[in-house]
Amino acid sequence: MIVLFVCRGNASRSQMAEAIFNYLAKGNFKAFSAGLKPAERVSSKAKAVLKEIGIEWNGKPKALTREMIEEADIIVAMCEGDFPKEKTIYWNVEDPMGKDLEFYRAVRDEIYRRVKELLNSLGSSVISP
């Protein structure tokens, strides 16, 4: 099972989702992420709030490709885009870019909760940091 997380810049939300998913999935499933217009680097605040919950992250922003869309079993979109309806879930998660660390923590916690729910729906046991 491959899950693709997509947001606009692949600098915060989708990077956090990929990191949290892969951490909680314990290798049972695999996630990756991409952006419609990828940023130059992952937000340092996103990395910091992941580290607070024990997740070291060194991801790099990537541009969304047709191959990624085709390879994914599930697409979790946190932005508008032309995604296959039959395998796309939309999460309304506010973009934390330009906000303070507290806002990043709130977004991280929301993504964590949603990822845990997704994994549970896929039948995977999850761990807690």
Protein backbone atom coordinates (compact mmCIF):
# COMPACT_ATOMS: atom_id res chain seq x y z
CA MET A 1 0.00 0.00 0.00
CA ILE A 2 1.47 3.32 -1.09
CA VAL A 3 0.07 6.64 0.12
CA LEU A 4 0.93 9.92 -1.57
CA PHE A 5 0.53 13.15 0.41
CA VAL A 6 0.25 16.30 -1.70
CA CYS A 7 0.22 19.98 -0.82
CA ARG A 8 1.15 23.11 -2.70
CA GLY A 9 4.84 23.51 -1.81
CA ASN A 10 5.78 20.14 -0.25
CA ALA A 11 7.56 22.14 2.43
CA SER A 12 5.36 21.64 5.50
CA ARG A 13 2.04 19.77 5.53
CA SER A 14 2.75 16.92 3.12
CA GLN A 15 6.29 16.52 4.48
CA MET A 16 4.95 16.22 8.04
CA ALA A 17 2.28 13.77 6.86
CA GLU A 18 4.85 11.60 5.06
CA ALA A 19 7.16 11.57 8.08
CA ILE A 20 4.40 10.81 10.59
CA PHE A 21 2.81 8.14 8.38
CA ASN A 22 6.06 6.27 7.82
CA TYR A 23 6.94 6.53 11.52
CA LEU A 24 3.57 5.19 12.67
CA ALA A 25 3.20 2.57 9.93
CA LYS A 26 6.34 0.74 11.08
CA GLY A 27 7.02 -0.45 7.53
CA ASN A 28 3.58 -2.00 7.00
CA PHE A 29 2.76 0.69 4.43
CA LYS A 30 4.81 3.35 2.64
CA ALA A 31 4.12 7.03 2.14
CA PHE A 32 5.80 9.68 0.09
CA SER A 33 4.96 13.30 -0.63
CA ALA A 34 5.10 15.89 -3.37
CA GLY A 35 4.00 19.42 -4.19
CA LEU A 36 2.29 21.16 -7.06
CA LYS A 37 4.91 23.93 -6.94
CA PRO A 38 7.65 22.60 -4.67
CA ALA A 39 9.57 24.95 -2.41
CA GLU A 40 13.36 25.00 -2.31
CA ARG A 41 13.53 23.30 1.08
CA VAL A 42 11.46 21.81 3.87
CA SER A 43 10.42 24.31 6.50
CA SER A 44 12.76 24.36 9.49
CA LYS A 45 9.68 24.77 11.71
CA ALA A 46 8.15 21.60 10.26
CA LYS A 47 11.37 19.72 11.03
CA ALA A 48 11.47 21.21 14.54
CA VAL A 49 7.92 20.18 15.47
CA LEU A 50 8.52 16.68 14.10
CA LYS A 51 11.67 16.41 16.21
CA GLU A 52 9.61 17.35 19.29
CA ILE A 53 7.71 14.07 18.89
CA GLY A 54 10.79 11.99 18.18
CA ILE A 55 10.81 12.06 14.38
CA GLU A 56 14.04 13.14 12.71
CA TRP A 57 13.22 14.31 9.19
CA ASN A 58 15.48 15.12 6.25
CA GLY A 59 12.97 15.08 3.40
CA LYS A 60 13.37 17.24 0.31
CA PRO A 61 10.56 18.97 -1.61
CA LYS A 62 9.61 17.11 -4.77
CA ALA A 63 7.46 18.03 -7.75
CA LEU A 64 4.32 15.96 -8.25
CA THR A 65 4.55 13.71 -11.31
CA ARG A 66 2.06 11.61 -13.22
CA GLU A 67 4.09 8.53 -12.23
CA MET A 68 3.64 9.33 -8.53
CA ILE A 69 -0.12 9.64 -9.01
CA GLU A 70 -0.27 6.34 -10.90
CA GLU A 71 1.91 4.49 -8.36
CA ALA A 72 -0.09 5.63 -5.32
CA ASP A 73 -2.92 3.49 -3.99
CA ILE A 74 -4.28 6.44 -1.99
CA ILE A 75 -3.71 10.15 -2.55
CA VAL A 76 -4.22 12.51 0.37
CA ALA A 77 -4.54 16.02 -1.04
CA MET A 78 -4.20 19.08 1.17
CA CYS A 79 -4.66 21.45 -1.76
CA GLU A 80 -6.87 21.65 -4.82
CA GLY A 81 -5.70 19.69 -7.83
CA ASP A 82 -6.68 17.36 -10.63
CA PHE A 83 -6.44 14.02 -8.83
CA PRO A 84 -8.19 10.71 -9.62
CA LYS A 85 -11.46 10.83 -7.68
CA GLU A 86 -11.55 7.11 -6.99
CA LYS A 87 -8.38 7.14 -4.87
CA THR A 88 -8.17 10.68 -3.49
CA ILE A 89 -9.00 11.88 0.00
CA TYR A 90 -9.06 15.63 0.68
CA TRP A 91 -7.85 16.91 4.04
CA ASN A 92 -8.63 20.53 4.85
CA VAL A 93 -5.45 21.34 6.77
CA GLU A 94 -4.40 24.98 6.88
CA ASP A 95 -0.97 25.81 5.45
CA PRO A 96 1.32 26.85 8.33
CA MET A 97 3.86 28.57 6.08
CA GLY A 98 4.80 31.94 7.56
CA LYS A 99 3.11 31.20 10.89
CA ASP A 100 4.67 30.75 14.33
CA LEU A 101 5.85 27.54 15.96
CA GLU A 102 2.62 27.13 17.94
CA PHE A 103 0.65 27.10 14.69
CA TYR A 104 3.02 24.46 13.27
CA ARG A 105 2.45 22.35 16.38
CA ALA A 106 -1.31 22.58 15.93
CA VAL A 107 -1.01 21.55 12.26
CA ARG A 108 1.35 18.70 13.20
CA ASP A 109 -1.11 17.45 15.82
CA GLU A 110 -4.01 17.60 13.37
CA ILE A 111 -2.01 15.71 10.73
CA TYR A 112 -0.89 13.17 13.35
CA ARG A 113 -4.50 12.51 14.35
CA ARG A 114 -5.62 12.16 10.72
CA VAL A 115 -2.71 9.87 9.81
CA LYS A 116 -3.48 7.65 12.80
CA GLU A 117 -7.13 7.44 11.70
CA LEU A 118 -6.05 6.62 8.14
CA LEU A 119 -3.73 3.86 9.32
CA ASN A 120 -6.42 2.42 11.57
CA SER A 121 -8.84 2.39 8.63
CA LEU A 122 -6.22 0.51 6.60
CA GLY A 123 -5.93 -2.08 9.36
CA SER A 124 -2.46 -1.16 10.58
CA SER A 125 -1.57 -1.10 14.25
CA VAL A 126 0.16 2.14 15.14
CA ILE A 127 2.68 3.19 17.75
CA SER A 128 2.73 6.39 19.74
CA PRO A 129 5.89 8.43 20.22
